[in-house]
Amino acid sequence: MGAKYQIRVFGKEGCDKCHTLNQRLDKLLAKEDYAAFEKLYCDVETLDGLLAFSEAECINPSRIPAMLVTEWDAEAGEFVPLATQQPGAKDSVCKKAKLYQYVGLQTDYSDVGKGIISPKMIQTILAEAQG
């Protein structure tokens, strides 16, 4: 078996913020601490990417780029979204960018979030996934 977790990154071509999120994830995933993770990029402007986005059922299309952590389910034979331990809990690092019911992030374009998914936010989400 490969990785225990798969991070599905939802973005689109020509999106600078999508490119930045991918770079930040690649940099983190190159570290030994994150060997249990792999990344799958889903371009929502392709049929496969749109299908993966639709199956996620938890991301607002106007808040791309986004990422969803999935975990390998041997019984199902596929990666399934990883449920958060405390749905809707306040998060001082991720704030409104944190997904409600699953472990992941979506871009918060409000005055608070400023459209930024920081490396610290990504690390917080990966730490939650690892428990």
Foldseek 3Di string as FASTA:
>chain_A
DAAFKEKEWEEAPPDPQSVVVVVLVVVVCVDPVNRNYDYDYQHCVDPRSVVVVVVVVFADPVQPGKIFMWGQDVVVRGTDFAFQPQFPDADPPQGPQATRTGQMGTFDCDPVRVRDDDSVNVVVSSVRVVD
